[in-house]
PDB file of N, CA and C in Angstrom:
ATOM      1  N   LYS A   1      63.357 -80.466 -47.449  1.00  0.00           N
ATOM      2  CA  LYS A   1      63.369 -79.531 -48.551  1.00  0.00           C
ATOM      3  C   LYS A   1      62.003 -78.846 -48.711  1.00  0.00           C
ATOM      4  N   ALA A   2      60.936 -79.526 -48.512  1.00  0.00           N
ATOM      5  CA  ALA A   2      59.593 -78.958 -48.633  1.00  0.00           C
ATOM      6  C   ALA A   2      59.372 -77.896 -47.564  1.00  0.00           C
ATOM      7  N   ARG A   3      59.938 -78.167 -46.386  1.00  0.00           N
ATOM      8  CA  ARG A   3      59.792 -77.203 -45.302  1.00  0.00           C
ATOM      9  C   ARG A   3      60.491 -75.893 -45.657  1.00  0.00           C
ATOM     10  N   ARG A   4      61.666 -75.979 -46.246  1.00  0.00           N
ATOM     11  CA  ARG A   4      62.405 -74.776 -46.630  1.00  0.00           C
ATOM     12  C   ARG A   4      61.675 -74.020 -47.741  1.00  0.00           C
ATOM     13  N   THR A   5      61.079 -74.721 -48.636  1.00  0.00           N
ATOM     14  CA  THR A   5      60.311 -74.083 -49.702  1.00  0.00           C
ATOM     15  C   THR A   5      59.123 -73.330 -49.109  1.00  0.00           C
ATOM     16  N   LYS A   6      58.436 -73.974 -48.158  1.00  0.00           N
ATOM     17  CA  LYS A   6      57.299 -73.337 -47.494  1.00  0.00           C
ATOM     18  C   LYS A   6      57.752 -72.101 -46.717  1.00  0.00           C
ATOM     19  N   GLU A   7      58.876 -72.209 -46.001  1.00  0.00           N
ATOM     20  CA  GLU A   7      59.420 -71.069 -45.260  1.00  0.00           C
ATOM     21  C   GLU A   7      59.781 -69.933 -46.212  1.00  0.00           C
ATOM     22  N   SER A   8      60.337 -70.285 -47.352  1.00  0.00           N
ATOM     23  CA  SER A   8      60.710 -69.293 -48.353  1.00  0.00           C
ATOM     24  C   SER A   8      59.467 -68.559 -48.863  1.00  0.00           C
ATOM     25  N   GLU A   9      58.389 -69.291 -49.124  1.00  0.00           N
ATOM     26  CA  GLU A   9      57.146 -68.675 -49.587  1.00  0.00           C
ATOM     27  C   GLU A   9      56.556 -67.749 -48.523  1.00  0.00           C
ATOM     28  N   VAL A  10      56.592 -68.211 -47.263  1.00  0.00           N
ATOM     29  CA  VAL A  10      56.071 -67.394 -46.165  1.00  0.00           C
ATOM     30  C   VAL A  10      56.893 -66.114 -46.032  1.00  0.00           C
ATOM     31  N   LYS A  11      58.213 -66.250 -46.120  1.00  0.00           N
ATOM     32  CA  LYS A  11      59.087 -65.072 -46.016  1.00  0.00           C
ATOM     33  C   LYS A  11      58.855 -64.117 -47.195  1.00  0.00           C
ATOM     34  N   ALA A  12      58.616 -64.652 -48.379  1.00  0.00           N
ATOM     35  CA  ALA A  12      58.359 -63.807 -49.547  1.00  0.00           C
ATOM     36  C   ALA A  12      57.050 -63.034 -49.356  1.00  0.00           C
ATOM     37  N   GLN A  13      56.023 -63.704 -48.836  1.00  0.00           N
ATOM     38  CA  GLN A  13      54.754 -63.032 -48.564  1.00  0.00           C
ATOM     39  C   GLN A  13      54.926 -61.957 -47.491  1.00  0.00           C
ATOM     40  N   GLU A  14      55.695 -62.290 -46.464  1.00  0.00           N
ATOM     41  CA  GLU A  14      55.969 -61.328 -45.385  1.00  0.00           C
ATOM     42  C   GLU A  14      56.696 -60.105 -45.944  1.00  0.00           C
ATOM     43  N   LYS A  15      57.669 -60.345 -46.821  1.00  0.00           N
ATOM     44  CA  LYS A  15      58.422 -59.249 -47.422  1.00  0.00           C
ATOM     45  C   LYS A  15      57.492 -58.364 -48.262  1.00  0.00           C
ATOM     46  N   LYS A  16      56.615 -58.991 -49.045  1.00  0.00           N
ATOM     47  CA  LYS A  16      55.679 -58.242 -49.884  1.00  0.00           C
ATOM     48  C   LYS A  16      54.752 -57.386 -49.015  1.00  0.00           C
ATOM     49  N   ARG A  17      54.274 -57.963 -47.910  1.00  0.00           N
ATOM     50  CA  ARG A  17      53.395 -57.235 -47.000  1.00  0.00           C
ATOM     51  C   ARG A  17      54.129 -56.052 -46.374  1.00  0.00           C
ATOM     52  N   LEU A  18      55.381 -56.281 -45.955  1.00  0.00           N
ATOM     53  CA  LEU A  18      56.156 -55.213 -45.328  1.00  0.00           C
ATOM     54  C   LEU A  18      56.495 -54.095 -46.319  1.00  0.00           C
ATOM     55  N   VAL A  19      56.788 -54.459 -47.560  1.00  0.00           N
ATOM     56  CA  VAL A  19      57.075 -53.448 -48.582  1.00  0.00           C
ATOM     57  C   VAL A  19      55.834 -52.584 -48.822  1.00  0.00           C
ATOM     58  N   ALA A  20      54.660 -53.210 -48.875  1.00  0.00           N
ATOM     59  CA  ALA A  20      53.418 -52.449 -49.052  1.00  0.00           C
ATOM     60  C   ALA A  20      53.166 -51.546 -47.851  1.00  0.00           C
ATOM     61  N   LYS A  21      53.443 -52.050 -46.653  1.00  0.00           N
ATOM     62  CA  LYS A  21      53.249 -51.250 -45.445  1.00  0.00           C
ATOM     63  C   LYS A  21      54.201 -50.059 -45.430  1.00  0.00           C
ATOM     64  N   ILE A  22      55.444 -50.275 -45.850  1.00  0.00           N
ATOM     65  CA  ILE A  22      56.424 -49.183 -45.917  1.00  0.00           C
ATOM     66  C   ILE A  22      55.941 -48.111 -46.897  1.00  0.00           C
ATOM     67  N   ALA A  23      55.433 -48.533 -48.048  1.00  0.00           N
ATOM     68  CA  ALA A  23      54.940 -47.573 -49.040  1.00  0.00           C
ATOM     69  C   ALA A  23      53.764 -46.776 -48.474  1.00  0.00           C
ATOM     70  N   SER A  24      52.868 -47.456 -47.789  1.00  0.00           N
ATOM     71  CA  SER A  24      51.710 -46.785 -47.195  1.00  0.00           C
ATOM     72  C   SER A  24      52.147 -45.786 -46.131  1.00  0.00           C
ATOM     73  N   LEU A  25      53.059 -46.193 -45.270  1.00  0.00           N
ATOM     74  CA  LEU A  25      53.524 -45.309 -44.204  1.00  0.00           C
ATOM     75  C   LEU A  25      54.314 -44.125 -44.758  1.00  0.00           C
ATOM     76  N   THR A  26      55.069 -44.359 -45.825  1.00  0.00           N
ATOM     77  CA  THR A  26      55.819 -43.272 -46.449  1.00  0.00           C
ATOM     78  C   THR A  26      54.856 -42.229 -47.019  1.00  0.00           C
ATOM     79  N   SER A  27      53.802 -42.705 -47.672  1.00  0.00           N
ATOM     80  CA  SER A  27      52.793 -41.795 -48.211  1.00  0.00           C
ATOM     81  C   SER A  27      52.100 -41.034 -47.083  1.00  0.00           C
ATOM     82  N   SER A  28      51.765 -41.738 -46.029  1.00  0.00           N
ATOM     83  CA  SER A  28      51.111 -41.114 -44.881  1.00  0.00           C
ATOM     84  C   SER A  28      52.032 -40.083 -44.240  1.00  0.00           C
ATOM     85  N   ARG A  29      53.307 -40.404 -44.152  1.00  0.00           N
ATOM     86  CA  ARG A  29      54.276 -39.476 -43.566  1.00  0.00           C
ATOM     87  C   ARG A  29      54.352 -38.193 -44.386  1.00  0.00           C
ATOM     88  N   LYS A  30      54.367 -38.323 -45.711  1.00  0.00           N
ATOM     89  CA  LYS A  30      54.425 -37.142 -46.564  1.00  0.00           C
ATOM     90  C   LYS A  30      53.178 -36.283 -46.357  1.00  0.00           C
ATOM     91  N   HIS A  31      52.019 -36.916 -46.297  1.00  0.00           N
ATOM     92  CA  HIS A  31      50.768 -36.175 -46.082  1.00  0.00           C
ATOM     93  C   HIS A  31      50.803 -35.436 -44.744  1.00  0.00           C
ATOM     94  N   VAL A  32      51.232 -36.116 -43.695  1.00  0.00           N
ATOM     95  CA  VAL A  32      51.283 -35.506 -42.363  1.00  0.00           C
ATOM     96  C   VAL A  32      52.314 -34.380 -42.340  1.00  0.00           C
ATOM     97  N   SER A  33      53.424 -34.587 -43.023  1.00  0.00           N
ATOM     98  CA  SER A  33      54.459 -33.557 -43.084  1.00  0.00           C
ATOM     99  C   SER A  33      53.933 -32.302 -43.788  1.00  0.00           C
ATOM    100  N   ASP A  34      53.213 -32.494 -44.896  1.00  0.00           N
ATOM    101  CA  ASP A  34      52.628 -31.351 -45.605  1.00  0.00           C
ATOM    102  C   ASP A  34      51.602 -30.634 -44.735  1.00  0.00           C
ATOM    103  N   GLU A  35      50.795 -31.411 -44.034  1.00  0.00           N
ATOM    104  CA  GLU A  35      49.785 -30.818 -43.157  1.00  0.00           C
ATOM    105  C   GLU A  35      50.447 -30.045 -42.017  1.00  0.00           C
ATOM    106  N   LYS A  36      51.516 -30.592 -41.468  1.00  0.00           N
ATOM    107  CA  LYS A  36      52.248 -29.914 -40.392  1.00  0.00           C
ATOM    108  C   LYS A  36      52.807 -28.583 -40.892  1.00  0.00           C
ATOM    109  N   GLU A  37      53.348 -28.577 -42.088  1.00  0.00           N
ATOM    110  CA  GLU A  37      53.899 -27.350 -42.657  1.00  0.00           C
ATOM    111  C   GLU A  37      52.800 -26.303 -42.845  1.00  0.00           C
ATOM    112  N   ALA A  38      51.628 -26.738 -43.291  1.00  0.00           N
ATOM    113  CA  ALA A  38      50.511 -25.808 -43.476  1.00  0.00           C
ATOM    114  C   ALA A  38      50.068 -25.219 -42.139  1.00  0.00           C
ATOM    115  N   VAL A  39      50.021 -26.037 -41.107  1.00  0.00           N
ATOM    116  CA  VAL A  39      49.618 -25.557 -39.783  1.00  0.00           C
ATOM    117  C   VAL A  39      50.657 -24.586 -39.232  1.00  0.00           C
ATOM    118  N   GLU A  40      51.928 -24.891 -39.441  1.00  0.00           N
ATOM    119  CA  GLU A  40      52.981 -23.984 -38.966  1.00  0.00           C
ATOM    120  C   GLU A  40      52.915 -22.641 -39.692  1.00  0.00           C
ATOM    121  N   GLN A  41      52.626 -22.670 -40.999  1.00  0.00           N
ATOM    122  CA  GLN A  41      52.491 -21.424 -41.754  1.00  0.00           C
ATOM    123  C   GLN A  41      51.292 -20.626 -41.242  1.00  0.00           C
ATOM    124  N   TYR A  42      50.192 -21.302 -40.966  1.00  0.00           N
ATOM    125  CA  TYR A  42      48.998 -20.647 -40.415  1.00  0.00           C
ATOM    126  C   TYR A  42      49.324 -20.014 -39.065  1.00  0.00           C
ATOM    127  N   PHE A  43      50.077 -20.719 -38.252  1.00  0.00           N
ATOM    128  CA  PHE A  43      50.483 -20.196 -36.947  1.00  0.00           C
ATOM    129  C   PHE A  43      51.334 -18.940 -37.115  1.00  0.00           C
ATOM    130  N   ARG A  44      52.274 -18.976 -38.069  1.00  0.00           N
ATOM    131  CA  ARG A  44      53.116 -17.798 -38.305  1.00  0.00           C
ATOM    132  C   ARG A  44      52.271 -16.613 -38.781  1.00  0.00           C
ATOM    133  N   ASP A  45      51.264 -16.893 -39.612  1.00  0.00           N
ATOM    134  CA  ASP A  45      50.387 -15.816 -40.081  1.00  0.00           C
ATOM    135  C   ASP A  45      49.580 -15.223 -38.930  1.00  0.00           C
ATOM    136  N   LEU A  46      49.109 -16.073 -38.030  1.00  0.00           N
ATOM    137  CA  LEU A  46      48.333 -15.589 -36.889  1.00  0.00           C
ATOM    138  C   LEU A  46      49.202 -14.859 -35.877  1.00  0.00           C
ATOM    139  N   GLN A  47      50.454 -15.223 -35.808  1.00  0.00           N
ATOM    140  CA  GLN A  47      51.373 -14.626 -34.843  1.00  0.00           C
ATOM    141  C   GLN A  47      51.386 -13.110 -34.994  1.00  0.00           C
ATOM    142  N   HIS A  48      51.458 -12.645 -36.229  1.00  0.00           N
ATOM    143  CA  HIS A  48      51.535 -11.202 -36.463  1.00  0.00           C
ATOM    144  C   HIS A  48      50.244 -10.505 -36.027  1.00  0.00           C
ATOM    145  N   ALA A  49      49.120 -11.074 -36.408  1.00  0.00           N
ATOM    146  CA  ALA A  49      47.848 -10.407 -36.118  1.00  0.00           C
ATOM    147  C   ALA A  49      47.448 -10.517 -34.653  1.00  0.00           C
ATOM    148  N   CYS A  50      47.711 -11.659 -34.036  1.00  0.00           N
ATOM    149  CA  CYS A  50      47.188 -11.901 -32.685  1.00  0.00           C
ATOM    150  C   CYS A  50      48.177 -11.544 -31.576  1.00  0.00           C
ATOM    151  N   VAL A  51      49.442 -11.781 -31.798  1.00  0.00           N
ATOM    152  CA  VAL A  51      50.424 -11.571 -30.732  1.00  0.00           C
ATOM    153  C   VAL A  51      51.175 -10.263 -30.930  1.00  0.00           C
ATOM    154  N   ASP A  52      51.632 -10.035 -32.146  1.00  0.00           N
ATOM    155  CA  ASP A  52      52.444  -8.857 -32.415  1.00  0.00           C
ATOM    156  C   ASP A  52      51.599  -7.667 -32.852  1.00  0.00           C
ATOM    157  N   GLY A  53      50.293  -7.758 -32.747  1.00  0.00           N
ATOM    158  CA  GLY A  53      49.398  -6.690 -33.199  1.00  0.00           C
ATOM    159  C   GLY A  53      49.712  -5.376 -32.516  1.00  0.00           C
ATOM    160  N   ASP A  54      49.479  -4.284 -33.243  1.00  0.00           N
ATOM    161  CA  ASP A  54      49.833  -2.977 -32.706  1.00  0.00           C
ATOM    162  C   ASP A  54      48.682  -2.311 -31.955  1.00  0.00           C
ATOM    163  N   SER A  55      47.497  -2.908 -31.958  1.00  0.00           N
ATOM    164  CA  SER A  55      46.383  -2.294 -31.236  1.00  0.00           C
ATOM    165  C   SER A  55      46.123  -3.046 -29.932  1.00  0.00           C
ATOM    166  N   THR A  56      45.684  -2.295 -28.955  1.00  0.00           N
ATOM    167  CA  THR A  56      45.385  -2.900 -27.660  1.00  0.00           C
ATOM    168  C   THR A  56      43.915  -3.289 -27.621  1.00  0.00           C
ATOM    169  N   TYR A  57      43.540  -4.014 -26.597  1.00  0.00           N
ATOM    170  CA  TYR A  57      42.147  -4.416 -26.432  1.00  0.00           C
ATOM    171  C   TYR A  57      41.249  -3.190 -26.326  1.00  0.00           C
ATOM    172  N   GLU A  58      41.701  -2.194 -25.589  1.00  0.00           N
ATOM    173  CA  GLU A  58      40.904  -0.986 -25.409  1.00  0.00           C
ATOM    174  C   GLU A  58      40.683  -0.269 -26.738  1.00  0.00           C
ATOM    175  N   ASP A  59      41.721  -0.224 -27.580  1.00  0.00           N
ATOM    176  CA  ASP A  59      41.582   0.413 -28.893  1.00  0.00           C
ATOM    177  C   ASP A  59      40.551  -0.319 -29.747  1.00  0.00           C
ATOM    178  N   ARG A  60      40.629  -1.646 -29.765  1.00  0.00           N
ATOM    179  CA  ARG A  60      39.685  -2.435 -30.561  1.00  0.00           C
ATOM    180  C   ARG A  60      38.266  -2.293 -30.021  1.00  0.00           C
ATOM    181  N   LYS A  61      38.131  -2.259 -28.691  1.00  0.00           N
ATOM    182  CA  LYS A  61      36.805  -2.112 -28.079  1.00  0.00           C
ATOM    183  C   LYS A  61      36.211  -0.752 -28.429  1.00  0.00           C
ATOM    184  N   ALA A  62      37.029   0.294 -28.368  1.00  0.00           N
ATOM    185  CA  ALA A  62      36.551   1.638 -28.706  1.00  0.00           C
ATOM    186  C   ALA A  62      36.142   1.703 -30.178  1.00  0.00           C
ATOM    187  N   ALA A  63      36.906   1.071 -31.049  1.00  0.00           N
ATOM    188  CA  ALA A  63      36.570   1.072 -32.474  1.00  0.00           C
ATOM    189  C   ALA A  63      35.252   0.340 -32.722  1.00  0.00           C
ATOM    190  N   ARG A  64      35.043  -0.784 -32.035  1.00  0.00           N
ATOM    191  CA  ARG A  64      33.773  -1.517 -32.173  1.00  0.00           C
ATOM    192  C   ARG A  64      32.600  -0.678 -31.683  1.00  0.00           C
ATOM    193  N   THR A  65      32.772  -0.016 -30.559  1.00  0.00           N
ATOM    194  CA  THR A  65      31.707   0.828 -30.008  1.00  0.00           C
ATOM    195  C   THR A  65      31.377   1.958 -30.972  1.00  0.00           C
ATOM    196  N   LYS A  66      32.407   2.574 -31.543  1.00  0.00           N
ATOM    197  CA  LYS A  66      32.203   3.659 -32.501  1.00  0.00           C
ATOM    198  C   LYS A  66      31.469   3.145 -33.741  1.00  0.00           C
ATOM    199  N   GLU A  67      31.838   1.962 -34.206  1.00  0.00           N
ATOM    200  CA  GLU A  67      31.182   1.391 -35.379  1.00  0.00           C
ATOM    201  C   GLU A  67      29.716   1.061 -35.083  1.00  0.00           C
ATOM    202  N   ILE A  68      29.443   0.519 -33.914  1.00  0.00           N
ATOM    203  CA  ILE A  68      28.061   0.200 -33.524  1.00  0.00           C
ATOM    204  C   ILE A  68      27.227   1.470 -33.449  1.00  0.00           C
ATOM    205  N   ASP A  69      27.790   2.527 -32.861  1.00  0.00           N
ATOM    206  CA  ASP A  69      27.070   3.799 -32.778  1.00  0.00           C
ATOM    207  C   ASP A  69      26.768   4.346 -34.174  1.00  0.00           C
ATOM    208  N   GLY A  70      27.736   4.239 -35.074  1.00  0.00           N
ATOM    209  CA  GLY A  70      27.532   4.700 -36.446  1.00  0.00           C
ATOM    210  C   GLY A  70      26.454   3.902 -37.156  1.00  0.00           C
ATOM    211  N   LEU A  71      26.433   2.593 -36.931  1.00  0.00           N
ATOM    212  CA  LEU A  71      25.406   1.754 -37.549  1.00  0.00           C
ATOM    213  C   LEU A  71      24.019   2.063 -36.997  1.00  0.00           C
ATOM    214  N   LYS A  72      23.941   2.331 -35.703  1.00  0.00           N
ATOM    215  CA  LYS A  72      22.645   2.697 -35.111  1.00  0.00           C
ATOM    216  C   LYS A  72      22.148   4.013 -35.692  1.00  0.00           C
ATOM    217  N   GLU A  73      23.058   4.968 -35.869  1.00  0.00           N
ATOM    218  CA  GLU A  73      22.686   6.256 -36.447  1.00  0.00           C
ATOM    219  C   GLU A  73      22.207   6.076 -37.886  1.00  0.00           C
ATOM    220  N   ALA A  74      22.912   5.248 -38.649  1.00  0.00           N
ATOM    221  CA  ALA A  74      22.506   4.989 -40.029  1.00  0.00           C
ATOM    222  C   ALA A  74      21.144   4.309 -40.076  1.00  0.00           C
ATOM    223  N   GLN A  75      20.896   3.406 -39.153  1.00  0.00           N
ATOM    224  CA  GLN A  75      19.607   2.726 -39.095  1.00  0.00           C
ATOM    225  C   GLN A  75      18.483   3.724 -38.817  1.00  0.00           C
ATOM    226  N   MET A  76      18.735   4.655 -37.919  1.00  0.00           N
ATOM    227  CA  MET A  76      17.723   5.669 -37.609  1.00  0.00           C
ATOM    228  C   MET A  76      17.472   6.572 -38.812  1.00  0.00           C
ATOM    229  N   ILE A  77      18.525   6.933 -39.524  1.00  0.00           N
ATOM    230  CA  ILE A  77      18.379   7.783 -40.708  1.00  0.00           C
ATOM    231  C   ILE A  77      17.561   7.064 -41.771  1.00  0.00           C
ATOM    232  N   LEU A  78      17.871   5.784 -41.993  1.00  0.00           N
ATOM    233  CA  LEU A  78      17.129   5.025 -42.996  1.00  0.00           C
ATOM    234  C   LEU A  78      15.675   4.828 -42.592  1.00  0.00           C
ATOM    235  N   ALA A  79      15.430   4.614 -41.315  1.00  0.00           N
ATOM    236  CA  ALA A  79      14.053   4.421 -40.851  1.00  0.00           C
ATOM    237  C   ALA A  79      13.245   5.697 -41.022  1.00  0.00           C
ATOM    238  N   SER A  80      13.867   6.848 -40.792  1.00  0.00           N
ATOM    239  CA  SER A  80      13.137   8.113 -40.914  1.00  0.00           C
ATOM    240  C   SER A  80      13.111   8.627 -42.348  1.00  0.00           C
ATOM    241  N   ALA A  81      13.882   8.056 -43.237  1.00  0.00           N
ATOM    242  CA  ALA A  81      13.926   8.529 -44.617  1.00  0.00           C
ATOM    243  C   ALA A  81      12.608   8.294 -45.338  1.00  0.00           C
ATOM    244  N   PHE A  82      11.873   7.270 -44.964  1.00  0.00           N
ATOM    245  CA  PHE A  82      10.627   6.950 -45.648  1.00  0.00           C
ATOM    246  C   PHE A  82       9.403   7.459 -44.902  1.00  0.00           C
ATOM    247  N   GLU A  83       9.613   8.198 -43.855  1.00  0.00           N
ATOM    248  CA  GLU A  83       8.495   8.746 -43.100  1.00  0.00           C
ATOM    249  C   GLU A  83       8.259  10.196 -43.528  1.00  0.00           C
ATOM    250  N   ASP A  84       7.012  10.580 -43.557  1.00  0.00           N
ATOM    251  CA  ASP A  84       6.659  11.957 -43.884  1.00  0.00           C
ATOM    252  C   ASP A  84       5.684  12.427 -42.816  1.00  0.00           C
ATOM    253  N   ASN A  85       6.221  13.086 -41.798  1.00  0.00           N
ATOM    254  CA  ASN A  85       5.436  13.534 -40.648  1.00  0.00           C
ATOM    255  C   ASN A  85       4.717  12.375 -39.967  1.00  0.00           C
ATOM    256  N   GLY A  86       5.391  11.307 -39.788  1.00  0.00           N
ATOM    257  CA  GLY A  86       4.836  10.169 -39.068  1.00  0.00           C
ATOM    258  C   GLY A  86       4.091   9.182 -39.930  1.00  0.00           C
ATOM    259  N   THR A  87       3.898   9.472 -41.210  1.00  0.00           N
ATOM    260  CA  THR A  87       3.224   8.516 -42.088  1.00  0.00           C
ATOM    261  C   THR A  87       4.193   8.078 -43.163  1.00  0.00           C
ATOM    262  N   THR A  88       4.006   6.902 -43.611  1.00  0.00           N
ATOM    263  CA  THR A  88       4.878   6.410 -44.674  1.00  0.00           C
ATOM    264  C   THR A  88       4.364   6.894 -46.008  1.00  0.00           C
ATOM    265  N   THR A  89       5.223   6.901 -47.006  1.00  0.00           N
ATOM    266  CA  THR A  89       4.870   7.451 -48.310  1.00  0.00           C
ATOM    267  C   THR A  89       4.378   6.361 -49.246  1.00  0.00           C
ATOM    268  N   THR A  90       3.397   5.609 -48.838  1.00  0.00           N
ATOM    269  CA  THR A  90       2.822   4.615 -49.740  1.00  0.00           C
ATOM    270  C   THR A  90       1.632   5.239 -50.436  1.00  0.00           C
ATOM    271  N   THR A  91       1.449   4.901 -51.672  1.00  0.00           N
ATOM    272  CA  THR A  91       0.314   5.429 -52.418  1.00  0.00           C
ATOM    273  C   THR A  91      -0.895   4.555 -52.166  1.00  0.00           C
ATOM    274  N   SER A  92      -2.068   5.134 -52.372  1.00  0.00           N
ATOM    275  CA  SER A  92      -3.283   4.377 -52.105  1.00  0.00           C
ATOM    276  C   SER A  92      -3.467   3.260 -53.119  1.00  0.00           C
ATOM    277  N   SER A  93      -3.061   3.492 -54.357  1.00  0.00           N
ATOM    278  CA  SER A  93      -3.133   2.414 -55.347  1.00  0.00           C
ATOM    279  C   SER A  93      -1.734   2.209 -55.911  1.00  0.00           C
ATOM    280  N   PRO A  94      -1.277   1.011 -55.891  1.00  0.00           N
ATOM    281  CA  PRO A  94       0.077   0.771 -56.384  1.00  0.00           C
ATOM    282  C   PRO A  94       0.156   1.020 -57.881  1.00  0.00           C
ATOM    283  N   SER A  95       1.309   1.483 -58.343  1.00  0.00           N
ATOM    284  CA  SER A  95       1.472   1.744 -59.766  1.00  0.00           C
ATOM    285  C   SER A  95       1.504   0.417 -60.512  1.00  0.00           C
ATOM    286  N   PRO A  96       0.989   0.407 -61.737  1.00  0.00           N
ATOM    287  CA  PRO A  96       0.967  -0.851 -62.476  1.00  0.00           C
ATOM    288  C   PRO A  96       2.382  -1.304 -62.803  1.00  0.00           C
ATOM    289  N   SER A  97       2.531  -2.578 -62.906  1.00  0.00           N
ATOM    290  CA  SER A  97       3.851  -3.119 -63.199  1.00  0.00           C
ATOM    291  C   SER A  97       4.244  -2.785 -64.627  1.00  0.00           C
ATOM    292  N   PHE A  98       5.469  -3.017 -64.947  1.00  0.00           N
ATOM    293  CA  PHE A  98       5.994  -2.722 -66.274  1.00  0.00           C
ATOM    294  C   PHE A  98       5.194  -3.452 -67.350  1.00  0.00           C
ATOM    295  N   LEU A  99       4.954  -4.734 -67.152  1.00  0.00           N
ATOM    296  CA  LEU A  99       4.220  -5.510 -68.151  1.00  0.00           C
ATOM    297  C   LEU A  99       2.771  -5.030 -68.275  1.00  0.00           C
ATOM    298  N   ARG A 100       2.172  -4.668 -67.161  1.00  0.00           N
ATOM    299  CA  ARG A 100       0.786  -4.185 -67.180  1.00  0.00           C
ATOM    300  C   ARG A 100       0.708  -2.869 -67.955  1.00  0.00           C
ATOM    301  N   ARG A 101       1.676  -1.981 -67.749  1.00  0.00           N
ATOM    302  CA  ARG A 101       1.693  -0.710 -68.476  1.00  0.00           C
ATOM    303  C   ARG A 101       1.852  -0.945 -69.977  1.00  0.00           C
ATOM    304  N   ARG A 102       2.692  -1.907 -70.341  1.00  0.00           N
ATOM    305  CA  ARG A 102       2.894  -2.223 -71.752  1.00  0.00           C
ATOM    306  C   ARG A 102       1.615  -2.762 -72.383  1.00  0.00           C
ATOM    307  N   LEU A 103       0.933  -3.610 -71.625  1.00  0.00           N
ATOM    308  CA  LEU A 103      -0.311  -4.179 -72.119  1.00  0.00           C
ATOM    309  C   LEU A 103      -1.354  -3.084 -72.326  1.00  0.00           C
ATOM    310  N   LEU A 104      -1.448  -2.164 -71.375  1.00  0.00           N
ATOM    311  CA  LEU A 104      -2.408  -1.066 -71.497  1.00  0.00           C
ATOM    312  C   LEU A 104      -2.044  -0.139 -72.651  1.00  0.00           C
ATOM    313  N   ALA A 105      -0.764   0.095 -72.874  1.00  0.00           N
ATOM    314  CA  ALA A 105      -0.324   0.971 -73.958  1.00  0.00           C
ATOM    315  C   ALA A 105      -0.588   0.333 -75.317  1.00  0.00           C
ATOM    316  N   ALA A 106      -0.524  -0.981 -75.388  1.00  0.00           N
ATOM    317  CA  ALA A 106      -0.738  -1.674 -76.655  1.00  0.00           C
ATOM    318  C   ALA A 106      -2.208  -1.674 -77.051  1.00  0.00           C
ATOM    319  N   GLN A 107      -3.122  -1.496 -76.113  1.00  0.00           N
ATOM    320  CA  GLN A 107      -4.563  -1.536 -76.415  1.00  0.00           C
ATOM    321  C   GLN A 107      -5.021  -0.281 -76.988  1.00  0.00           C
TER     322      GLN A 107
END
């Protein structure tokens, strides 16, 4: 009789362990299932842009080249905007700051 009681206790512990393992695996399965769904949705979103896209490689390359040329032109315009016949338009003495002007006006 003692042996059966011991076996019963061992089986009860085994059952408790298995129930906890089932709960853990069920939770893990739900997490993995949600993650799989998110990845599949991401794949569907990329499908349109990457596979079904309406522009060719040559079109995208030409657009990038045009954009780079435009940026270089803008850079040249900005660089020459502050030049005045080869010299920059800096004053020999910097203007006083706002607080300095206020202090001088108060005196």
